[in-house]
């Protein structure tokens, strides 16, 4: 369910880390289209072809972030894979350290609310390195104590990585095909989820988030269904 426009803060300045990614691209599109957003600052390692009057791209070294311009909200969507990173240390540097550094810099720049794209199974006590890293990041963000923290834990993400110029992920593609067959038989929280669905829930809910909220993949899907029903009611 979307937040009513009259409940939204006005003149919002937002930050996105990872806007070139599967979820990040949808965060970017949604926030640029949002009338209550006046500025969108993107942090990335390389230039991107985007152009928009609201857009302020900033090329950074995530290991040595500069002081950031004033922002009200931050969306953390940086991520990689162990295979792409090449080592556990390199993976940790992106999925944990870079996201945490952006959150710290955003809070120093005035941000009150933070949204994170995490993953199903995130658990700081997990025996699995991937899940443990995601959980440790969630815990570290809680300890920063922002006014609002919204965490999305999606199941397998659906989207066109090739269109984004991202590396091919054979295991992910095979899983998507298998889940396409088995998906209707699985509990909703285990089913693959569109990257756009994840992004929409975060952009809808973060502006008024107070305290900590963790959105399971089932809750993300439920939010999408409620939005679809609202839009159907408006058209009818």
Foldseek 3Di string as FASTA:
>chain_A
DFDDPVPFAAAFAEEEEPLLDQLNVLLVVVLLPDNRYQAYEYEEQDDDPDDDPRYDYDHDDLVDDDQDAAGAEYEYDWADDCVVLVHLVSRLCTLAVSSLSVLVSRVVNPYQEYEYEAAPQQDCPDPDSRSNSSVVNVVSSVVVPGQFYEYEHAAQEDDDVVVSVDDDDVVSVVVLVVLVVCVVVDDQLNGYDYSSLVSVVCVRPGRPGGDYDYAGNSNSVVVVVVVVVVVVVVVD
